[in-house]
Amino acid sequence: CPPGCSACSSAKVCTGCKDGFYIKDKTCTGCPPGCSACSSAKVCTGCKDGFYKTDTTCTGCPPGCSACSSAKVCTGCKDGFYKTDTTCTGCPPGCSACSSAKVCTGCKDGFYKTDTTCTGCPPGCSACSSAKVCTGCKDGFYIKDKTCTGKWLYVSYCLC
């Protein structure tokens, strides 16, 4: 069968289409962007994740929403966002995941967890477990006594 066909009567004639396709002139044509199923280029019958149905089309959810029922109602949030009533709001700086504007449940690289917030690691640290303990260093630094210390290159010049 040709691409997109779930069933066909010949190498060029589709009699059924896979999800995301519709029959047009005996071939299967891809549905419009955002549609998981459609009956034509202008009529979506189902939407992909991150889209919601508006009449006959699928429209992208608002920023931060992984799922929504309308332009104003998020039903799920993307990573780095938390749900507030009907919208998704970005987590505070340094948080990779949070349950509110004041409670981080995970920290981004270069941050460590302090109670309910994420705090930046000391200078030179790429990862740390506290303000005084580096567990990884940025390029050009090395761990010495649990902190990241810069590498110094000594260059001598001769003025001959």
N, C-alpha and C. Protein backbone atom coordinates (compact mmCIF):
# COMPACT_ATOMS: atom_id res chain seq x y z
N CYS A 1 0.83 -1.20 0.00
CA CYS A 1 0.00 0.00 0.00
C CYS A 1 0.87 1.26 0.00
N PRO A 2 0.35 2.33 -0.55
CA PRO A 2 1.08 3.61 -0.52
C PRO A 2 1.22 4.14 0.92
N PRO A 3 2.15 5.07 1.15
CA PRO A 3 2.33 5.64 2.49
C PRO A 3 1.03 6.24 3.04
N GLY A 4 0.78 6.02 4.33
CA GLY A 4 -0.40 6.55 5.00
C GLY A 4 -1.62 5.66 4.92
N CYS A 5 -1.60 4.66 4.03
CA CYS A 5 -2.76 3.77 3.86
C CYS A 5 -2.72 2.64 4.89
N SER A 6 -3.89 2.33 5.42
CA SER A 6 -4.01 1.17 6.31
C SER A 6 -4.54 -0.03 5.52
N ALA A 7 -5.20 0.26 4.41
CA ALA A 7 -5.72 -0.78 3.51
C ALA A 7 -5.75 -0.21 2.10
N CYS A 8 -5.57 -1.10 1.11
CA CYS A 8 -5.59 -0.63 -0.27
C CYS A 8 -6.08 -1.74 -1.20
N SER A 9 -6.58 -1.33 -2.35
CA SER A 9 -7.05 -2.30 -3.35
C SER A 9 -6.00 -2.50 -4.44
N SER A 10 -5.02 -1.60 -4.48
CA SER A 10 -3.89 -1.73 -5.42
C SER A 10 -2.74 -0.88 -4.89
N ALA A 11 -1.63 -0.89 -5.60
CA ALA A 11 -0.46 -0.13 -5.17
C ALA A 11 -0.69 1.38 -5.22
N LYS A 12 -1.79 1.80 -5.86
CA LYS A 12 -2.06 3.23 -5.99
C LYS A 12 -3.41 3.66 -5.43
N VAL A 13 -4.21 2.72 -4.92
CA VAL A 13 -5.56 3.05 -4.45
C VAL A 13 -5.73 2.64 -2.98
N CYS A 14 -5.89 3.65 -2.12
CA CYS A 14 -6.12 3.41 -0.69
C CYS A 14 -7.62 3.26 -0.44
N THR A 15 -7.95 2.31 0.43
CA THR A 15 -9.35 2.14 0.84
C THR A 15 -9.53 2.48 2.32
N GLY A 16 -8.43 2.69 3.02
CA GLY A 16 -8.45 3.09 4.42
C GLY A 16 -7.13 3.78 4.76
N CYS A 17 -7.17 4.68 5.73
CA CYS A 17 -5.97 5.44 6.09
C CYS A 17 -5.56 5.20 7.54
N LYS A 18 -4.27 5.36 7.79
CA LYS A 18 -3.74 5.29 9.15
C LYS A 18 -4.15 6.56 9.89
N ASP A 19 -3.99 6.52 11.23
CA ASP A 19 -4.28 7.71 12.03
C ASP A 19 -3.45 8.88 11.52
N GLY A 20 -4.07 10.05 11.47
CA GLY A 20 -3.38 11.24 11.01
C GLY A 20 -3.46 11.46 9.51
N PHE A 21 -4.25 10.62 8.82
CA PHE A 21 -4.42 10.74 7.37
C PHE A 21 -5.90 10.66 7.02
N TYR A 22 -6.26 11.16 5.84
CA TYR A 22 -7.63 11.04 5.33
C TYR A 22 -7.55 10.71 3.84
N ILE A 23 -8.62 10.11 3.31
CA ILE A 23 -8.64 9.74 1.89
C ILE A 23 -9.00 10.95 1.03
N LYS A 24 -8.17 11.19 0.04
CA LYS A 24 -8.41 12.25 -0.94
C LYS A 24 -7.95 11.71 -2.29
N ASP A 25 -8.85 11.65 -3.24
CA ASP A 25 -8.54 11.13 -4.58
C ASP A 25 -7.89 9.75 -4.52
N LYS A 26 -8.43 8.87 -3.70
CA LYS A 26 -7.99 7.47 -3.57
C LYS A 26 -6.59 7.30 -2.96
N THR A 27 -6.04 8.38 -2.39
CA THR A 27 -4.77 8.29 -1.68
C THR A 27 -4.96 8.86 -0.28
N CYS A 28 -4.04 8.55 0.60
CA CYS A 28 -4.11 9.07 1.97
C CYS A 28 -3.22 10.30 2.08
N THR A 29 -3.83 11.37 2.57
CA THR A 29 -3.15 12.66 2.71
C THR A 29 -3.07 13.00 4.20
N GLY A 30 -1.95 13.58 4.61
CA GLY A 30 -1.77 13.93 6.02
C GLY A 30 -2.76 14.97 6.50
N CYS A 31 -3.19 14.80 7.73
CA CYS A 31 -4.09 15.77 8.36
C CYS A 31 -3.36 17.09 8.60
N PRO A 32 -4.11 18.16 8.79
CA PRO A 32 -3.49 19.47 9.10
C PRO A 32 -2.70 19.41 10.41
N PRO A 33 -1.77 20.35 10.60
CA PRO A 33 -0.98 20.38 11.84
C PRO A 33 -1.87 20.40 13.09
N GLY A 34 -1.50 19.61 14.08
CA GLY A 34 -2.25 19.55 15.33
C GLY A 34 -3.35 18.51 15.36
N CYS A 35 -3.76 18.02 14.20
CA CYS A 35 -4.83 17.02 14.13
C CYS A 35 -4.26 15.61 14.25
N SER A 36 -4.89 14.80 15.08
CA SER A 36 -4.50 13.39 15.17
C SER A 36 -5.38 12.56 14.24
N ALA A 37 -6.54 13.09 13.91
CA ALA A 37 -7.47 12.44 12.99
C ALA A 37 -8.27 13.54 12.29
N CYS A 38 -8.64 13.28 11.03
CA CYS A 38 -9.39 14.28 10.27
C CYS A 38 -10.20 13.60 9.17
N SER A 39 -11.19 14.32 8.68
CA SER A 39 -11.98 13.79 7.57
C SER A 39 -11.67 14.54 6.27
N SER A 40 -10.96 15.66 6.39
CA SER A 40 -10.53 16.43 5.22
C SER A 40 -9.43 17.39 5.65
N ALA A 41 -8.94 18.17 4.71
CA ALA A 41 -7.88 19.15 5.01
C ALA A 41 -8.38 20.26 5.91
N LYS A 42 -9.69 20.38 6.06
CA LYS A 42 -10.26 21.46 6.86
C LYS A 42 -11.06 20.99 8.07
N VAL A 43 -11.18 19.67 8.27
CA VAL A 43 -11.99 19.17 9.38
C VAL A 43 -11.20 18.16 10.22
N CYS A 44 -10.79 18.62 11.40
CA CYS A 44 -10.12 17.74 12.36
C CYS A 44 -11.19 17.06 13.21
N THR A 45 -11.01 15.77 13.43
CA THR A 45 -11.95 15.04 14.29
C THR A 45 -11.30 14.66 15.62
N GLY A 46 -9.99 14.88 15.73
CA GLY A 46 -9.25 14.62 16.96
C GLY A 46 -7.98 15.45 16.94
N CYS A 47 -7.48 15.79 18.12
CA CYS A 47 -6.28 16.64 18.22
C CYS A 47 -5.12 15.90 18.88
N LYS A 48 -3.91 16.28 18.49
CA LYS A 48 -2.69 15.75 19.11
C LYS A 48 -2.52 16.35 20.49
N ASP A 49 -1.65 15.74 21.30
CA ASP A 49 -1.33 16.30 22.61
C ASP A 49 -0.81 17.72 22.43
N GLY A 50 -1.21 18.61 23.31
CA GLY A 50 -0.77 20.00 23.22
C GLY A 50 -1.66 20.86 22.34
N PHE A 51 -2.78 20.29 21.87
CA PHE A 51 -3.73 21.02 21.03
C PHE A 51 -5.14 20.80 21.57
N TYR A 52 -6.05 21.71 21.26
CA TYR A 52 -7.45 21.56 21.63
C TYR A 52 -8.32 21.84 20.41
N LYS A 53 -9.53 21.29 20.42
CA LYS A 53 -10.43 21.40 19.27
C LYS A 53 -11.23 22.69 19.32
N THR A 54 -11.23 23.40 18.21
CA THR A 54 -12.06 24.59 18.05
C THR A 54 -12.85 24.39 16.77
N ASP A 55 -14.13 24.19 16.89
CA ASP A 55 -14.99 23.89 15.74
C ASP A 55 -14.41 22.73 14.94
N THR A 56 -13.77 23.02 13.82
CA THR A 56 -13.27 21.95 12.95
C THR A 56 -11.75 21.89 12.88
N THR A 57 -11.06 22.70 13.69
CA THR A 57 -9.60 22.71 13.66
C THR A 57 -9.01 22.43 15.04
N CYS A 58 -7.72 22.21 15.07
CA CYS A 58 -7.00 22.03 16.34
C CYS A 58 -6.04 23.19 16.51
N THR A 59 -6.07 23.79 17.69
CA THR A 59 -5.26 24.96 18.00
C THR A 59 -4.30 24.61 19.13
N GLY A 60 -3.09 25.14 19.05
CA GLY A 60 -2.08 24.87 20.08
C GLY A 60 -2.48 25.42 21.44
N CYS A 61 -2.13 24.67 22.47
CA CYS A 61 -2.40 25.10 23.85
C CYS A 61 -1.55 26.32 24.20
N PRO A 62 -1.96 27.06 25.22
CA PRO A 62 -1.17 28.22 25.67
C PRO A 62 0.23 27.80 26.14
N PRO A 63 1.17 28.74 26.18
CA PRO A 63 2.53 28.42 26.65
C PRO A 63 2.52 27.77 28.03
N GLY A 64 3.33 26.76 28.21
CA GLY A 64 3.43 26.07 29.48
C GLY A 64 2.48 24.91 29.64
N CYS A 65 1.44 24.85 28.83
CA CYS A 65 0.44 23.77 28.93
C CYS A 65 0.86 22.57 28.08
N SER A 66 0.76 21.39 28.65
CA SER A 66 1.00 20.17 27.87
C SER A 66 -0.32 19.63 27.33
N ALA A 67 -1.40 20.02 27.97
CA ALA A 67 -2.75 19.64 27.54
C ALA A 67 -3.71 20.75 27.96
N CYS A 68 -4.76 20.94 27.16
CA CYS A 68 -5.72 21.99 27.47
C CYS A 68 -7.06 21.67 26.83
N SER A 69 -8.09 22.32 27.34
CA SER A 69 -9.42 22.14 26.77
C SER A 69 -9.87 23.39 26.02
N SER A 70 -9.13 24.49 26.19
CA SER A 70 -9.41 25.73 25.46
C SER A 70 -8.20 26.64 25.57
N ALA A 71 -8.31 27.82 24.98
CA ALA A 71 -7.20 28.78 25.02
C ALA A 71 -6.97 29.31 26.43
N LYS A 72 -7.92 29.09 27.32
CA LYS A 72 -7.80 29.63 28.68
C LYS A 72 -7.79 28.57 29.77
N VAL A 73 -7.89 27.28 29.40
CA VAL A 73 -7.96 26.23 30.41
C VAL A 73 -6.91 25.15 30.14
N CYS A 74 -5.85 25.16 30.96
CA CYS A 74 -4.83 24.11 30.89
C CYS A 74 -5.26 22.96 31.78
N THR A 75 -5.10 21.75 31.28
CA THR A 75 -5.42 20.57 32.08
C THR A 75 -4.17 19.81 32.50
N GLY A 76 -3.03 20.22 31.96
CA GLY A 76 -1.74 19.64 32.32
C GLY A 76 -0.64 20.62 31.98
N CYS A 77 0.47 20.56 32.72
CA CYS A 77 1.57 21.51 32.51
C CYS A 77 2.83 20.81 32.03
N LYS A 78 3.63 21.53 31.25
CA LYS A 78 4.93 21.04 30.80
C LYS A 78 5.91 21.07 31.97
N ASP A 79 7.03 20.36 31.81
CA ASP A 79 8.08 20.40 32.83
C ASP A 79 8.52 21.85 33.04
N GLY A 80 8.76 22.21 34.28
CA GLY A 80 9.19 23.56 34.59
C GLY A 80 8.03 24.53 34.80
N PHE A 81 6.80 24.00 34.83
CA PHE A 81 5.61 24.81 35.05
C PHE A 81 4.74 24.14 36.12
N TYR A 82 3.90 24.91 36.78
CA TYR A 82 2.96 24.37 37.76
C TYR A 82 1.57 24.93 37.46
N LYS A 83 0.55 24.20 37.90
CA LYS A 83 -0.84 24.57 37.60
C LYS A 83 -1.37 25.55 38.64
N THR A 84 -1.96 26.61 38.15
CA THR A 84 -2.65 27.58 39.01
C THR A 84 -4.05 27.74 38.44
N ASP A 85 -5.03 27.25 39.14
CA ASP A 85 -6.41 27.26 38.66
C ASP A 85 -6.50 26.68 37.26
N THR A 86 -6.56 27.53 36.25
CA THR A 86 -6.74 27.04 34.88
C THR A 86 -5.54 27.31 33.97
N THR A 87 -4.45 27.83 34.52
CA THR A 87 -3.27 28.13 33.70
C THR A 87 -2.03 27.44 34.25
N CYS A 88 -0.96 27.48 33.47
CA CYS A 88 0.33 26.94 33.90
C CYS A 88 1.31 28.11 34.00
N THR A 89 2.00 28.18 35.12
CA THR A 89 2.92 29.27 35.39
C THR A 89 4.33 28.70 35.53
N GLY A 90 5.31 29.43 35.03
CA GLY A 90 6.70 28.97 35.10
C GLY A 90 7.21 28.87 36.53
N CYS A 91 8.02 27.86 36.76
CA CYS A 91 8.63 27.67 38.08
C CYS A 91 9.63 28.80 38.36
N PRO A 92 9.95 29.02 39.63
CA PRO A 92 10.94 30.04 39.99
C PRO A 92 12.31 29.73 39.39
N PRO A 93 13.17 30.73 39.28
CA PRO A 93 14.52 30.50 38.73
C PRO A 93 15.26 29.38 39.47
N GLY A 94 15.93 28.53 38.72
CA GLY A 94 16.69 27.44 39.31
C GLY A 94 15.90 26.15 39.49
N CYS A 95 14.58 26.23 39.47
CA CYS A 95 13.74 25.04 39.66
C CYS A 95 13.51 24.33 38.33
N SER A 96 13.67 23.02 38.33
CA SER A 96 13.33 22.23 37.14
C SER A 96 11.90 21.73 37.25
N ALA A 97 11.40 21.66 38.47
CA ALA A 97 10.02 21.24 38.73
C ALA A 97 9.58 21.93 40.02
N CYS A 98 8.28 22.23 40.10
CA CYS A 98 7.76 22.90 41.29
C CYS A 98 6.27 22.61 41.43
N SER A 99 5.78 22.83 42.64
CA SER A 99 4.35 22.66 42.89
C SER A 99 3.66 24.00 43.10
N SER A 100 4.46 25.06 43.26
CA SER A 100 3.92 26.41 43.40
C SER A 100 5.05 27.41 43.17
N ALA A 101 4.73 28.69 43.30
CA ALA A 101 5.74 29.73 43.11
C ALA A 101 6.78 29.72 44.22
N LYS A 102 6.49 29.01 45.31
CA LYS A 102 7.40 29.00 46.45
C LYS A 102 7.96 27.63 46.80
N VAL A 103 7.55 26.58 46.05
CA VAL A 103 8.00 25.23 46.39
C VAL A 103 8.60 24.53 45.17
N CYS A 104 9.93 24.43 45.18
CA CYS A 104 10.65 23.69 44.14
C CYS A 104 10.71 22.23 44.55
N THR A 105 10.45 21.34 43.60
CA THR A 105 10.55 19.91 43.88
C THR A 105 11.76 19.29 43.18
N GLY A 106 12.43 20.07 42.35
CA GLY A 106 13.64 19.64 41.67
C GLY A 106 14.42 20.86 41.22
N CYS A 107 15.74 20.72 41.12
CA CYS A 107 16.58 21.86 40.74
C CYS A 107 17.28 21.61 39.41
N LYS A 108 17.53 22.70 38.69
CA LYS A 108 18.28 22.64 37.44
C LYS A 108 19.75 22.41 37.75
N ASP A 109 20.52 22.02 36.73
CA ASP A 109 21.97 21.88 36.90
C ASP A 109 22.54 23.22 37.37
N GLY A 110 23.49 23.14 38.28
CA GLY A 110 24.11 24.36 38.79
C GLY A 110 23.38 24.96 39.98
N PHE A 111 22.37 24.24 40.48
CA PHE A 111 21.59 24.70 41.64
C PHE A 111 21.48 23.55 42.64
N TYR A 112 21.25 23.88 43.90
CA TYR A 112 21.03 22.86 44.93
C TYR A 112 19.78 23.23 45.71
N LYS A 113 19.15 22.22 46.31
CA LYS A 113 17.88 22.41 47.02
C LYS A 113 18.12 22.85 48.45
N THR A 114 17.43 23.90 48.85
CA THR A 114 17.44 24.38 50.23
C THR A 114 15.98 24.46 50.67
N ASP A 115 15.57 23.59 51.52
CA ASP A 115 14.17 23.50 51.95
C ASP A 115 13.24 23.43 50.74
N THR A 116 12.63 24.54 50.38
CA THR A 116 11.66 24.53 49.27
C THR A 116 12.12 25.33 48.06
N THR A 117 13.36 25.82 48.07
CA THR A 117 13.85 26.61 46.94
C THR A 117 15.13 26.01 46.36
N CYS A 118 15.54 26.53 45.23
CA CYS A 118 16.80 26.12 44.60
C CYS A 118 17.73 27.33 44.59
N THR A 119 18.95 27.11 45.04
CA THR A 119 19.93 28.18 45.15
C THR A 119 21.10 27.87 44.23
N GLY A 120 21.65 28.89 43.61
CA GLY A 120 22.77 28.70 42.70
C GLY A 120 24.01 28.19 43.40
N CYS A 121 24.74 27.32 42.72
CA CYS A 121 26.00 26.80 43.25
C CYS A 121 27.04 27.92 43.32
N PRO A 122 28.06 27.73 44.15
CA PRO A 122 29.14 28.73 44.24
C PRO A 122 29.86 28.90 42.90
N PRO A 123 30.57 30.01 42.72
CA PRO A 123 31.31 30.24 41.47
C PRO A 123 32.25 29.08 41.14
N GLY A 124 32.27 28.70 39.89
CA GLY A 124 33.14 27.62 39.43
C GLY A 124 32.50 26.24 39.49
N CYS A 125 31.46 26.08 40.29
CA CYS A 125 30.79 24.77 40.43
C CYS A 125 29.75 24.57 39.33
N SER A 126 29.75 23.39 38.75
CA SER A 126 28.69 23.04 37.80
C SER A 126 27.61 22.24 38.50
N ALA A 127 27.96 21.65 39.64
CA ALA A 127 27.02 20.90 40.47
C ALA A 127 27.48 21.00 41.92
N CYS A 128 26.52 21.01 42.84
CA CYS A 128 26.87 21.11 44.25
C CYS A 128 25.76 20.53 45.11
N SER A 129 26.11 20.20 46.34
CA SER A 129 25.10 19.70 47.27
C SER A 129 24.76 20.74 48.33
N SER A 130 25.58 21.79 48.41
CA SER A 130 25.31 22.90 49.33
C SER A 130 26.15 24.09 48.90
N ALA A 131 26.06 25.17 49.66
CA ALA A 131 26.83 26.37 49.35
C ALA A 131 28.32 26.16 49.57
N LYS A 132 28.68 25.08 50.26
CA LYS A 132 30.09 24.85 50.58
C LYS A 132 30.65 23.56 49.98
N VAL A 133 29.82 22.78 49.26
CA VAL A 133 30.29 21.50 48.72
C VAL A 133 30.00 21.40 47.23
N CYS A 134 31.06 21.51 46.43
CA CYS A 134 30.93 21.33 44.98
C CYS A 134 31.11 19.85 44.65
N THR A 135 30.27 19.34 43.77
CA THR A 135 30.39 17.94 43.34
C THR A 135 30.82 17.84 41.88
N GLY A 136 30.90 18.98 41.21
CA GLY A 136 31.37 19.05 39.83
C GLY A 136 31.80 20.48 39.54
N CYS A 137 32.78 20.61 38.66
CA CYS A 137 33.31 21.95 38.35
C CYS A 137 33.12 22.31 36.88
N LYS A 138 33.02 23.60 36.64
CA LYS A 138 32.95 24.12 35.27
C LYS A 138 34.33 23.97 34.63
N ASP A 139 34.36 24.07 33.30
CA ASP A 139 35.64 24.00 32.59
C ASP A 139 36.60 25.04 33.15
N GLY A 140 37.83 24.64 33.31
CA GLY A 140 38.85 25.55 33.82
C GLY A 140 38.96 25.55 35.33
N PHE A 141 38.18 24.69 36.01
CA PHE A 141 38.21 24.61 37.46
C PHE A 141 38.43 23.16 37.88
N TYR A 142 38.90 22.95 39.09
CA TYR A 142 39.05 21.60 39.64
C TYR A 142 38.64 21.63 41.11
N ILE A 143 38.26 20.45 41.64
CA ILE A 143 37.81 20.38 43.04
C ILE A 143 39.03 20.29 43.96
N LYS A 144 39.03 21.16 44.95
CA LYS A 144 40.05 21.15 46.00
C LYS A 144 39.34 21.52 47.29
N ASP A 145 39.40 20.64 48.26
CA ASP A 145 38.74 20.86 49.55
C ASP A 145 37.25 21.18 49.38
N LYS A 146 36.59 20.41 48.53
CA LYS A 146 35.14 20.50 48.29
C LYS A 146 34.69 21.77 47.58
N THR A 147 35.63 22.57 47.11
CA THR A 147 35.27 23.76 46.33
C THR A 147 35.96 23.68 44.97
N CYS A 148 35.49 24.47 44.04
CA CYS A 148 36.10 24.50 42.71
C CYS A 148 37.08 25.66 42.64
N THR A 149 38.28 25.32 42.28
CA THR A 149 39.36 26.29 42.21
C THR A 149 39.79 26.43 40.76
N GLY A 150 40.11 27.65 40.36
CA GLY A 150 40.53 27.88 38.98
C GLY A 150 41.93 27.38 38.72
N LYS A 151 42.17 26.94 37.50
CA LYS A 151 43.50 26.51 37.09
C LYS A 151 44.27 27.74 36.65
N TRP A 152 45.46 27.86 37.13
CA TRP A 152 46.28 29.01 36.75
C TRP A 152 47.38 28.55 35.83
N LEU A 153 47.56 29.27 34.78
CA LEU A 153 48.65 28.99 33.86
C LEU A 153 49.72 30.05 34.07
N TYR A 154 50.92 29.60 34.31
CA TYR A 154 52.02 30.54 34.52
C TYR A 154 52.78 30.67 33.21
N VAL A 155 52.85 31.87 32.74
CA VAL A 155 53.55 32.13 31.49
C VAL A 155 54.63 33.15 31.79
N SER A 156 55.81 32.84 31.37
CA SER A 156 56.88 33.81 31.56
C SER A 156 57.23 34.41 30.21
N TYR A 157 57.52 35.65 30.23
CA TYR A 157 57.87 36.35 29.01
C TYR A 157 59.31 36.83 29.12
N CYS A 158 59.95 36.77 28.05
CA CYS A 158 61.33 37.24 28.02
C CYS A 158 61.40 38.51 27.19
N LEU A 159 61.84 39.54 27.81
CA LEU A 159 62.05 40.79 27.08
C LEU A 159 63.55 40.89 26.80
N CYS A 160 63.95 40.25 25.75
CA CYS A 160 65.38 40.19 25.45
C CYS A 160 65.80 41.30 24.50
